[in-house]
Amino acid sequence: MRDHLLSLVALKSGHFRLESGHHGDTWLDLDQLFRRPAALRPFIAELAGKLQPHRIDTVCGPLTGGALLAQSVAEELGVEFAFAERFVTNRPGLYPVDYRIASSLREGIRGKRVAVVDDAICAGSAVRATLADLASCGAAPVVLGALLLIGSRATGLATETQLPIVSLMELPNQIWTPSECPMCAQGVALASP
């Protein structure tokens, strides 16, 4: 099962800048996951089964991959779907990207028990920003979910937010702040994924 899920993504090694601003040694081309919906279907069903005990009303995901997955999981569970739109800010440093629940969905999510899902969680920037905006909408996140957890930061985010986290697979990955990145110290240029 693990090999089959990994066969749906393109895995690259190198020196990459992640959305969070961290640097990492692994890049997953997650857009590939959604090219063959039928191949992804068993994984959606498995993730939905892990989320079901949390009695959720809504599945929410950050655009793009998280929202595509959230919509499929919501359909599998017969619950509502919401998504968070991506906004790049001028904020320097780590976590320069925000996610906001679409304006037409904000009022309808108030008071709902929400599962926040993403295709993969590494540094957790998209999930972190989605959680923050859900709080501003008055929603009640109750669980985090992902097909893939990449590195240890996702479990740290779950601990920090006091939310349970479910996934289908965990992969090792090293990430660093730019000032602590050993590849930068060695003069290795950032690669374009």
N, C-alpha and C. Protein backbone atom coordinates (compact mmCIF):
# COMPACT_ATOMS: atom_id res chain seq x y z
N MET A 1 0.83 -1.20 0.00
CA MET A 1 0.00 0.00 0.00
C MET A 1 0.88 1.26 0.00
N ARG A 2 1.93 1.27 0.84
CA ARG A 2 2.84 2.41 0.92
C ARG A 2 3.46 2.70 -0.45
N ASP A 3 3.97 1.66 -1.09
CA ASP A 3 4.61 1.85 -2.40
C ASP A 3 3.62 2.36 -3.43
N HIS A 4 2.37 1.89 -3.35
CA HIS A 4 1.37 2.33 -4.32
C HIS A 4 1.06 3.82 -4.14
N LEU A 5 0.92 4.27 -2.90
CA LEU A 5 0.66 5.69 -2.67
C LEU A 5 1.85 6.53 -3.15
N LEU A 6 3.06 6.11 -2.83
CA LEU A 6 4.24 6.85 -3.27
C LEU A 6 4.40 6.85 -4.79
N SER A 7 3.88 5.83 -5.46
CA SER A 7 3.97 5.79 -6.92
C SER A 7 3.11 6.87 -7.57
N LEU A 8 2.19 7.47 -6.81
CA LEU A 8 1.31 8.50 -7.34
C LEU A 8 1.93 9.90 -7.27
N VAL A 9 3.09 10.04 -6.64
CA VAL A 9 3.77 11.34 -6.54
C VAL A 9 5.18 11.23 -7.10
N ALA A 10 5.72 12.37 -7.47
CA ALA A 10 7.12 12.41 -7.92
C ALA A 10 7.96 12.92 -6.75
N LEU A 11 8.94 12.13 -6.34
CA LEU A 11 9.81 12.45 -5.22
C LEU A 11 11.17 12.92 -5.74
N LYS A 12 11.63 14.07 -5.24
CA LYS A 12 12.92 14.62 -5.67
C LYS A 12 13.76 14.93 -4.44
N SER A 13 15.06 14.71 -4.57
CA SER A 13 16.01 15.09 -3.52
C SER A 13 16.79 16.29 -3.99
N GLY A 14 17.17 17.16 -3.06
CA GLY A 14 17.94 18.35 -3.41
C GLY A 14 17.88 19.37 -2.30
N HIS A 15 17.92 20.63 -2.67
CA HIS A 15 17.88 21.76 -1.74
C HIS A 15 16.73 22.65 -2.18
N PHE A 16 15.65 22.66 -1.39
CA PHE A 16 14.42 23.33 -1.81
C PHE A 16 13.96 24.33 -0.75
N ARG A 17 13.32 25.41 -1.21
CA ARG A 17 12.65 26.35 -0.32
C ARG A 17 11.18 25.95 -0.30
N LEU A 18 10.68 25.67 0.90
CA LEU A 18 9.30 25.26 1.08
C LEU A 18 8.40 26.48 1.23
N GLU A 19 7.11 26.30 1.07
CA GLU A 19 6.15 27.40 1.21
C GLU A 19 6.30 28.10 2.55
N SER A 20 6.64 27.36 3.60
CA SER A 20 6.78 27.92 4.93
C SER A 20 7.99 28.85 5.05
N GLY A 21 8.90 28.79 4.08
CA GLY A 21 10.14 29.54 4.15
C GLY A 21 11.31 28.69 4.62
N HIS A 22 11.01 27.50 5.16
CA HIS A 22 12.06 26.57 5.57
C HIS A 22 12.78 26.03 4.33
N HIS A 23 13.95 25.49 4.53
CA HIS A 23 14.66 24.78 3.48
C HIS A 23 14.59 23.29 3.80
N GLY A 24 14.50 22.46 2.76
CA GLY A 24 14.40 21.03 2.96
C GLY A 24 15.18 20.27 1.91
N ASP A 25 15.35 18.97 2.17
CA ASP A 25 16.12 18.13 1.25
C ASP A 25 15.25 17.21 0.40
N THR A 26 13.92 17.31 0.57
CA THR A 26 12.99 16.46 -0.19
C THR A 26 11.86 17.31 -0.75
N TRP A 27 11.47 17.02 -1.99
CA TRP A 27 10.32 17.69 -2.61
C TRP A 27 9.42 16.61 -3.18
N LEU A 28 8.15 16.70 -2.86
CA LEU A 28 7.15 15.81 -3.44
C LEU A 28 6.28 16.62 -4.38
N ASP A 29 6.18 16.19 -5.62
CA ASP A 29 5.28 16.83 -6.57
C ASP A 29 3.89 16.26 -6.31
N LEU A 30 3.17 16.89 -5.39
CA LEU A 30 1.89 16.37 -4.93
C LEU A 30 0.76 16.55 -5.94
N ASP A 31 0.93 17.45 -6.90
CA ASP A 31 -0.11 17.61 -7.93
C ASP A 31 -0.33 16.31 -8.69
N GLN A 32 0.71 15.49 -8.76
CA GLN A 32 0.60 14.20 -9.46
C GLN A 32 -0.44 13.29 -8.82
N LEU A 33 -0.69 13.46 -7.51
CA LEU A 33 -1.67 12.62 -6.81
C LEU A 33 -3.04 12.64 -7.49
N PHE A 34 -3.40 13.77 -8.03
CA PHE A 34 -4.77 13.98 -8.51
C PHE A 34 -4.94 13.72 -10.00
N ARG A 35 -3.90 13.26 -10.66
CA ARG A 35 -3.98 12.98 -12.10
C ARG A 35 -4.86 11.76 -12.39
N ARG A 36 -4.84 10.78 -11.50
CA ARG A 36 -5.61 9.55 -11.69
C ARG A 36 -6.53 9.34 -10.49
N PRO A 37 -7.70 9.98 -10.50
CA PRO A 37 -8.59 9.91 -9.35
C PRO A 37 -8.94 8.49 -8.92
N ALA A 38 -9.10 7.59 -9.85
CA ALA A 38 -9.45 6.21 -9.49
C ALA A 38 -8.34 5.55 -8.68
N ALA A 39 -7.10 5.87 -8.97
CA ALA A 39 -5.98 5.29 -8.22
C ALA A 39 -5.92 5.87 -6.81
N LEU A 40 -6.39 7.09 -6.63
CA LEU A 40 -6.37 7.74 -5.32
C LEU A 40 -7.56 7.33 -4.46
N ARG A 41 -8.62 6.87 -5.08
CA ARG A 41 -9.87 6.57 -4.38
C ARG A 41 -9.69 5.67 -3.14
N PRO A 42 -8.94 4.56 -3.18
CA PRO A 42 -8.80 3.73 -1.97
C PRO A 42 -8.14 4.49 -0.81
N PHE A 43 -7.24 5.40 -1.11
CA PHE A 43 -6.57 6.16 -0.07
C PHE A 43 -7.50 7.20 0.54
N ILE A 44 -8.37 7.77 -0.30
CA ILE A 44 -9.38 8.70 0.20
C ILE A 44 -10.31 7.97 1.16
N ALA A 45 -10.74 6.78 0.77
CA ALA A 45 -11.64 6.00 1.63
C ALA A 45 -10.97 5.64 2.95
N GLU A 46 -9.69 5.29 2.89
CA GLU A 46 -8.97 4.93 4.13
C GLU A 46 -8.82 6.14 5.05
N LEU A 47 -8.48 7.29 4.48
CA LEU A 47 -8.35 8.50 5.30
C LEU A 47 -9.71 8.89 5.87
N ALA A 48 -10.76 8.80 5.08
CA ALA A 48 -12.10 9.12 5.56
C ALA A 48 -12.47 8.21 6.74
N GLY A 49 -12.13 6.94 6.65
CA GLY A 49 -12.40 6.01 7.74
C GLY A 49 -11.69 6.39 9.02
N LYS A 50 -10.50 6.94 8.91
CA LYS A 50 -9.75 7.37 10.09
C LYS A 50 -10.32 8.67 10.68
N LEU A 51 -10.95 9.48 9.84
CA LEU A 51 -11.54 10.74 10.31
C LEU A 51 -12.94 10.56 10.88
N GLN A 52 -13.65 9.56 10.42
CA GLN A 52 -15.06 9.37 10.78
C GLN A 52 -15.33 9.34 12.29
N PRO A 53 -14.51 8.70 13.11
CA PRO A 53 -14.81 8.67 14.55
C PRO A 53 -14.82 10.04 15.22
N HIS A 54 -14.33 11.07 14.56
CA HIS A 54 -14.26 12.40 15.16
C HIS A 54 -15.55 13.21 14.98
N ARG A 55 -16.58 12.59 14.41
CA ARG A 55 -17.90 13.20 14.28
C ARG A 55 -17.84 14.61 13.67
N ILE A 56 -17.25 14.69 12.50
CA ILE A 56 -17.08 15.98 11.86
C ILE A 56 -18.31 16.37 11.03
N ASP A 57 -18.50 17.68 10.93
CA ASP A 57 -19.58 18.24 10.11
C ASP A 57 -19.06 18.68 8.75
N THR A 58 -17.77 19.08 8.72
CA THR A 58 -17.18 19.68 7.53
C THR A 58 -15.74 19.22 7.38
N VAL A 59 -15.33 19.01 6.14
CA VAL A 59 -13.92 18.75 5.84
C VAL A 59 -13.41 19.96 5.08
N CYS A 60 -12.32 20.54 5.57
CA CYS A 60 -11.76 21.76 4.97
C CYS A 60 -10.31 21.51 4.60
N GLY A 61 -9.91 22.03 3.44
CA GLY A 61 -8.53 21.90 3.01
C GLY A 61 -8.04 23.16 2.33
N PRO A 62 -6.73 23.43 2.46
CA PRO A 62 -6.15 24.57 1.76
C PRO A 62 -5.99 24.28 0.27
N LEU A 63 -6.26 25.29 -0.54
CA LEU A 63 -6.08 25.13 -1.99
C LEU A 63 -4.60 24.95 -2.29
N THR A 64 -4.23 24.04 -3.10
CA THR A 64 -5.02 23.32 -4.08
C THR A 64 -5.21 21.86 -3.64
N GLY A 65 -4.11 21.16 -3.38
CA GLY A 65 -4.19 19.74 -3.09
C GLY A 65 -5.03 19.40 -1.89
N GLY A 66 -4.91 20.20 -0.83
CA GLY A 66 -5.71 19.94 0.36
C GLY A 66 -7.20 20.07 0.09
N ALA A 67 -7.56 21.04 -0.72
CA ALA A 67 -8.98 21.24 -1.04
C ALA A 67 -9.51 20.11 -1.91
N LEU A 68 -8.71 19.67 -2.88
CA LEU A 68 -9.15 18.55 -3.72
C LEU A 68 -9.37 17.30 -2.86
N LEU A 69 -8.44 17.06 -1.94
CA LEU A 69 -8.58 15.92 -1.05
C LEU A 69 -9.76 16.10 -0.11
N ALA A 70 -9.92 17.30 0.45
CA ALA A 70 -11.02 17.58 1.38
C ALA A 70 -12.37 17.35 0.71
N GLN A 71 -12.51 17.77 -0.52
CA GLN A 71 -13.78 17.58 -1.23
C GLN A 71 -14.09 16.09 -1.40
N SER A 72 -13.09 15.31 -1.75
CA SER A 72 -13.29 13.87 -1.92
C SER A 72 -13.60 13.18 -0.60
N VAL A 73 -12.91 13.57 0.46
CA VAL A 73 -13.16 12.99 1.78
C VAL A 73 -14.55 13.37 2.27
N ALA A 74 -14.95 14.64 2.06
CA ALA A 74 -16.30 15.08 2.45
C ALA A 74 -17.36 14.28 1.71
N GLU A 75 -17.14 14.04 0.44
CA GLU A 75 -18.08 13.24 -0.34
C GLU A 75 -18.16 11.82 0.22
N GLU A 76 -17.02 11.24 0.54
CA GLU A 76 -16.96 9.89 1.10
C GLU A 76 -17.72 9.79 2.42
N LEU A 77 -17.62 10.85 3.25
CA LEU A 77 -18.26 10.85 4.57
C LEU A 77 -19.69 11.39 4.55
N GLY A 78 -20.08 12.02 3.45
CA GLY A 78 -21.42 12.59 3.37
C GLY A 78 -21.58 13.83 4.24
N VAL A 79 -20.49 14.63 4.33
CA VAL A 79 -20.53 15.85 5.13
C VAL A 79 -20.22 17.04 4.23
N GLU A 80 -20.23 18.24 4.81
CA GLU A 80 -19.98 19.46 4.06
C GLU A 80 -18.50 19.61 3.73
N PHE A 81 -18.22 20.46 2.75
CA PHE A 81 -16.86 20.74 2.29
C PHE A 81 -16.62 22.24 2.33
N ALA A 82 -15.41 22.62 2.71
CA ALA A 82 -14.99 24.03 2.64
C ALA A 82 -13.53 24.06 2.20
N PHE A 83 -13.09 25.21 1.73
CA PHE A 83 -11.70 25.34 1.32
C PHE A 83 -11.16 26.70 1.74
N ALA A 84 -9.84 26.76 1.84
CA ALA A 84 -9.15 28.00 2.19
C ALA A 84 -8.31 28.43 1.00
N GLU A 85 -8.47 29.69 0.62
CA GLU A 85 -7.73 30.24 -0.51
C GLU A 85 -6.36 30.73 -0.05
N ARG A 86 -5.37 30.61 -0.93
CA ARG A 86 -3.98 30.96 -0.64
C ARG A 86 -3.73 32.43 -0.97
N PHE A 87 -3.06 33.15 -0.03
CA PHE A 87 -2.69 34.54 -0.22
C PHE A 87 -1.23 34.71 0.20
N VAL A 88 -0.40 35.14 -0.74
CA VAL A 88 1.00 35.42 -0.42
C VAL A 88 1.07 36.82 0.17
N THR A 89 1.72 36.94 1.31
CA THR A 89 1.85 38.23 1.98
C THR A 89 3.24 38.81 1.73
N ASN A 90 3.48 40.01 2.21
CA ASN A 90 4.80 40.63 2.17
C ASN A 90 5.56 40.39 3.48
N ARG A 91 5.01 39.54 4.33
CA ARG A 91 5.61 39.27 5.63
C ARG A 91 6.96 38.58 5.45
N PRO A 92 8.01 39.11 6.05
CA PRO A 92 9.33 38.47 5.91
C PRO A 92 9.44 37.24 6.83
N GLY A 93 10.42 36.42 6.55
CA GLY A 93 10.71 35.28 7.43
C GLY A 93 9.85 34.07 7.13
N LEU A 94 9.65 33.26 8.16
CA LEU A 94 8.89 32.02 8.00
C LEU A 94 7.39 32.29 7.94
N TYR A 95 6.67 31.40 7.30
CA TYR A 95 5.21 31.43 7.18
C TYR A 95 4.69 32.72 6.52
N PRO A 96 5.18 33.06 5.32
CA PRO A 96 4.75 34.28 4.64
C PRO A 96 3.44 34.12 3.86
N VAL A 97 2.83 32.95 3.90
CA VAL A 97 1.61 32.71 3.13
C VAL A 97 0.44 32.53 4.10
N ASP A 98 -0.68 33.15 3.79
CA ASP A 98 -1.90 32.99 4.57
C ASP A 98 -2.92 32.18 3.77
N TYR A 99 -3.85 31.60 4.47
CA TYR A 99 -4.97 30.90 3.85
C TYR A 99 -6.24 31.42 4.52
N ARG A 100 -7.27 31.70 3.69
CA ARG A 100 -8.53 32.21 4.21
C ARG A 100 -9.69 31.41 3.63
N ILE A 101 -10.62 31.11 4.50
CA ILE A 101 -11.84 30.43 4.07
C ILE A 101 -12.54 31.34 3.07
N ALA A 102 -12.99 30.76 1.98
CA ALA A 102 -13.69 31.54 0.94
C ALA A 102 -14.82 32.35 1.57
N SER A 103 -14.98 33.59 1.16
CA SER A 103 -15.93 34.51 1.79
C SER A 103 -17.35 33.95 1.79
N SER A 104 -17.74 33.25 0.75
CA SER A 104 -19.11 32.72 0.69
C SER A 104 -19.34 31.55 1.65
N LEU A 105 -18.25 31.00 2.22
CA LEU A 105 -18.37 29.85 3.12
C LEU A 105 -18.18 30.21 4.59
N ARG A 106 -17.74 31.43 4.87
CA ARG A 106 -17.34 31.79 6.23
C ARG A 106 -18.47 31.68 7.25
N GLU A 107 -19.61 32.23 6.94
CA GLU A 107 -20.71 32.20 7.92
C GLU A 107 -21.24 30.78 8.11
N GLY A 108 -21.30 30.00 7.04
CA GLY A 108 -21.84 28.65 7.13
C GLY A 108 -20.99 27.67 7.91
N ILE A 109 -19.73 28.01 8.15
CA ILE A 109 -18.85 27.10 8.87
C ILE A 109 -18.83 27.38 10.39
N ARG A 110 -19.40 28.50 10.78
CA ARG A 110 -19.45 28.88 12.20
C ARG A 110 -20.07 27.76 13.04
N GLY A 111 -19.38 27.37 14.09
CA GLY A 111 -19.89 26.36 15.02
C GLY A 111 -19.75 24.92 14.54
N LYS A 112 -19.25 24.72 13.33
CA LYS A 112 -19.13 23.36 12.78
C LYS A 112 -17.88 22.67 13.31
N ARG A 113 -17.98 21.35 13.49
CA ARG A 113 -16.83 20.50 13.83
C ARG A 113 -16.09 20.20 12.52
N VAL A 114 -14.83 20.62 12.44
CA VAL A 114 -14.12 20.60 11.17
C VAL A 114 -12.89 19.70 11.25
N ALA A 115 -12.72 18.89 10.20
CA ALA A 115 -11.47 18.18 9.96
C ALA A 115 -10.69 19.01 8.95
N VAL A 116 -9.46 19.35 9.29
CA VAL A 116 -8.59 20.08 8.37
C VAL A 116 -7.65 19.06 7.75
N VAL A 117 -7.74 18.92 6.43
CA VAL A 117 -6.93 17.93 5.74
C VAL A 117 -6.07 18.59 4.67
N ASP A 118 -4.93 17.96 4.43
CA ASP A 118 -4.05 18.38 3.35
C ASP A 118 -3.47 17.13 2.72
N ASP A 119 -3.06 17.23 1.46
CA ASP A 119 -2.49 16.06 0.81
C ASP A 119 -1.25 15.60 1.54
N ALA A 120 -0.42 16.55 1.98
CA ALA A 120 0.77 16.24 2.77
C ALA A 120 1.02 17.39 3.73
N ILE A 121 1.53 17.06 4.90
CA ILE A 121 1.91 18.08 5.87
C ILE A 121 3.39 17.91 6.16
N CYS A 122 4.14 18.99 5.93
CA CYS A 122 5.57 18.99 6.22
C CYS A 122 5.81 20.00 7.34
N ALA A 123 6.06 21.25 7.01
CA ALA A 123 6.22 22.28 8.04
C ALA A 123 4.87 22.71 8.58
N GLY A 124 3.80 22.44 7.83
CA GLY A 124 2.45 22.73 8.29
C GLY A 124 1.97 24.14 8.05
N SER A 125 2.60 24.87 7.15
CA SER A 125 2.21 26.26 6.95
C SER A 125 0.78 26.42 6.46
N ALA A 126 0.37 25.61 5.50
CA ALA A 126 -0.99 25.73 4.97
C ALA A 126 -2.03 25.32 6.01
N VAL A 127 -1.76 24.25 6.74
CA VAL A 127 -2.69 23.80 7.77
C VAL A 127 -2.75 24.80 8.91
N ARG A 128 -1.60 25.30 9.32
CA ARG A 128 -1.52 26.29 10.42
C ARG A 128 -2.36 27.53 10.07
N ALA A 129 -2.18 28.05 8.86
CA ALA A 129 -2.92 29.25 8.44
C ALA A 129 -4.41 28.97 8.29
N THR A 130 -4.76 27.78 7.81
CA THR A 130 -6.17 27.40 7.68
C THR A 130 -6.81 27.31 9.06
N LEU A 131 -6.11 26.72 10.02
CA LEU A 131 -6.62 26.63 11.39
C LEU A 131 -6.87 28.02 11.97
N ALA A 132 -5.94 28.94 11.75
CA ALA A 132 -6.09 30.30 12.27
C ALA A 132 -7.33 30.98 11.69
N ASP A 133 -7.57 30.80 10.40
CA ASP A 133 -8.73 31.44 9.81
C ASP A 133 -10.03 30.75 10.21
N LEU A 134 -9.99 29.44 10.39
CA LEU A 134 -11.18 28.75 10.89
C LEU A 134 -11.57 29.29 12.26
N ALA A 135 -10.59 29.56 13.09
CA ALA A 135 -10.87 30.13 14.42
C ALA A 135 -11.54 31.50 14.27
N SER A 136 -11.08 32.31 13.31
CA SER A 136 -11.69 33.62 13.12
C SER A 136 -13.12 33.52 12.58
N CYS A 137 -13.45 32.39 11.99
CA CYS A 137 -14.81 32.15 11.48
C CYS A 137 -15.73 31.56 12.57
N GLY A 138 -15.16 31.18 13.70
CA GLY A 138 -15.96 30.57 14.76
C GLY A 138 -16.18 29.08 14.56
N ALA A 139 -15.38 28.46 13.71
CA ALA A 139 -15.46 27.01 13.50
C ALA A 139 -14.69 26.30 14.62
N ALA A 140 -14.92 25.00 14.74
CA ALA A 140 -14.27 24.21 15.79
C ALA A 140 -13.48 23.07 15.16
N PRO A 141 -12.22 23.29 14.81
CA PRO A 141 -11.40 22.19 14.30
C PRO A 141 -11.27 21.10 15.37
N VAL A 142 -11.45 19.84 14.93
CA VAL A 142 -11.39 18.73 15.89
C VAL A 142 -10.35 17.68 15.54
N VAL A 143 -9.81 17.71 14.30
CA VAL A 143 -8.84 16.72 13.88
C VAL A 143 -8.09 17.23 12.65
N LEU A 144 -6.83 16.81 12.54
CA LEU A 144 -6.03 17.07 11.34
C LEU A 144 -5.87 15.76 10.59
N GLY A 145 -5.81 15.83 9.27
CA GLY A 145 -5.63 14.61 8.48
C GLY A 145 -4.79 14.88 7.25
N ALA A 146 -4.05 13.86 6.82
CA ALA A 146 -3.23 13.98 5.62
C ALA A 146 -2.97 12.60 5.05
N LEU A 147 -2.77 12.54 3.76
CA LEU A 147 -2.30 11.30 3.16
C LEU A 147 -0.88 11.01 3.64
N LEU A 148 -0.04 12.07 3.65
CA LEU A 148 1.37 11.92 3.98
C LEU A 148 1.78 12.92 5.05
N LEU A 149 2.51 12.46 6.04
CA LEU A 149 3.20 13.34 6.98
C LEU A 149 4.68 13.26 6.60
N ILE A 150 5.27 14.42 6.35
CA ILE A 150 6.65 14.46 5.87
C ILE A 150 7.50 15.11 6.96
N GLY A 151 8.32 14.32 7.62
CA GLY A 151 9.12 14.81 8.73
C GLY A 151 8.32 14.86 10.01
N SER A 152 8.91 15.45 11.05
CA SER A 152 8.31 15.42 12.38
C SER A 152 7.52 16.67 12.74
N ARG A 153 7.55 17.69 11.92
CA ARG A 153 6.88 18.94 12.28
C ARG A 153 5.36 18.82 12.32
N ALA A 154 4.78 17.92 11.55
CA ALA A 154 3.32 17.76 11.55
C ALA A 154 2.83 17.29 12.92
N THR A 155 3.53 16.34 13.51
CA THR A 155 3.12 15.87 14.84
C THR A 155 3.34 16.98 15.87
N GLY A 156 4.36 17.80 15.66
CA GLY A 156 4.56 18.96 16.53
C GLY A 156 3.41 19.95 16.43
N LEU A 157 2.91 20.17 15.22
CA LEU A 157 1.76 21.05 15.02
C LEU A 157 0.53 20.48 15.72
N ALA A 158 0.35 19.17 15.62
CA ALA A 158 -0.79 18.54 16.30
C ALA A 158 -0.69 18.72 17.82
N THR A 159 0.49 18.55 18.35
CA THR A 159 0.69 18.75 19.79
C THR A 159 0.44 20.20 20.18
N GLU A 160 0.98 21.12 19.39
CA GLU A 160 0.82 22.55 19.66
C GLU A 160 -0.65 22.98 19.65
N THR A 161 -1.41 22.45 18.72
CA THR A 161 -2.83 22.82 18.59
C THR A 161 -3.75 21.93 19.42
N GLN A 162 -3.18 20.90 20.04
CA GLN A 162 -3.94 19.93 20.84
C GLN A 162 -5.03 19.25 20.02
N LEU A 163 -4.70 18.94 18.77
CA LEU A 163 -5.62 18.23 17.89
C LEU A 163 -5.02 16.89 17.53
N PRO A 164 -5.84 15.84 17.48
CA PRO A 164 -5.32 14.57 16.99
C PRO A 164 -4.99 14.68 15.50
N ILE A 165 -4.07 13.85 15.06
CA ILE A 165 -3.69 13.86 13.64
C ILE A 165 -3.73 12.43 13.13
N VAL A 166 -4.32 12.25 11.93
CA VAL A 166 -4.37 10.94 11.30
C VAL A 166 -3.74 11.05 9.92
N SER A 167 -3.10 9.97 9.50
CA SER A 167 -2.46 9.96 8.18
C SER A 167 -2.37 8.52 7.70
N LEU A 168 -1.97 8.37 6.45
CA LEU A 168 -1.78 7.04 5.89
C LEU A 168 -0.31 6.64 5.87
N MET A 169 0.60 7.62 5.88
CA MET A 169 2.01 7.30 5.77
C MET A 169 2.86 8.45 6.30
N GLU A 170 4.00 8.09 6.88
CA GLU A 170 4.97 9.08 7.32
C GLU A 170 6.28 8.86 6.57
N LEU A 171 6.87 9.96 6.13
CA LEU A 171 8.15 9.92 5.42
C LEU A 171 9.16 10.79 6.17
N PRO A 172 10.41 10.35 6.22
CA PRO A 172 11.42 11.20 6.85
C PRO A 172 11.73 12.40 5.96
N ASN A 173 12.10 13.49 6.59
CA ASN A 173 12.50 14.68 5.85
C ASN A 173 13.20 15.62 6.81
N GLN A 174 14.24 16.22 6.35
CA GLN A 174 14.95 17.23 7.13
C GLN A 174 14.55 18.60 6.62
N ILE A 175 14.15 19.50 7.53
CA ILE A 175 13.94 20.89 7.16
C ILE A 175 14.64 21.77 8.18
N TRP A 176 15.04 22.97 7.69
CA TRP A 176 15.78 23.89 8.53
C TRP A 176 15.31 25.31 8.25
N THR A 177 15.52 26.19 9.21
CA THR A 177 15.36 27.61 8.91
C THR A 177 16.51 27.97 7.97
N PRO A 178 16.35 28.99 7.14
CA PRO A 178 17.43 29.33 6.22
C PRO A 178 18.77 29.56 6.93
N SER A 179 18.74 30.18 8.11
CA SER A 179 20.00 30.47 8.81
C SER A 179 20.67 29.21 9.36
N GLU A 180 19.92 28.12 9.51
CA GLU A 180 20.48 26.87 10.04
C GLU A 180 20.69 25.81 8.96
N CYS A 181 20.41 26.14 7.71
CA CYS A 181 20.45 25.16 6.63
C CYS A 181 21.89 24.76 6.31
N PRO A 182 22.23 23.47 6.45
CA PRO A 182 23.59 23.05 6.15
C PRO A 182 23.93 23.13 4.65
N MET A 183 22.91 23.02 3.80
CA MET A 183 23.19 23.13 2.36
C MET A 183 23.53 24.56 1.98
N CYS A 184 22.87 25.54 2.62
CA CYS A 184 23.23 26.93 2.38
C CYS A 184 24.66 27.18 2.86
N ALA A 185 24.99 26.62 4.03
CA ALA A 185 26.34 26.79 4.58
C ALA A 185 27.40 26.21 3.65
N GLN A 186 27.03 25.18 2.90
CA GLN A 186 27.98 24.55 1.95
C GLN A 186 27.94 25.23 0.58
N GLY A 187 27.08 26.23 0.41
CA GLY A 187 27.00 26.94 -0.85
C GLY A 187 26.16 26.25 -1.91
N VAL A 188 25.33 25.27 -1.51
CA VAL A 188 24.48 24.57 -2.46
C VAL A 188 23.30 25.47 -2.83
N ALA A 189 23.13 25.72 -4.10
CA ALA A 189 22.06 26.58 -4.57
C ALA A 189 20.70 25.93 -4.38
N LEU A 190 19.69 26.75 -4.14
CA LEU A 190 18.32 26.25 -4.08
C LEU A 190 17.92 25.73 -5.46
N ALA A 191 17.25 24.59 -5.47
CA ALA A 191 16.78 24.00 -6.72
C ALA A 191 15.33 24.40 -6.95
N SER A 192 14.93 24.48 -8.17
CA SER A 192 13.53 24.72 -8.52
C SER A 192 12.86 23.37 -8.68
N PRO A 193 11.80 23.14 -7.90
CA PRO A 193 11.15 21.83 -8.00
C PRO A 193 10.49 21.63 -9.33
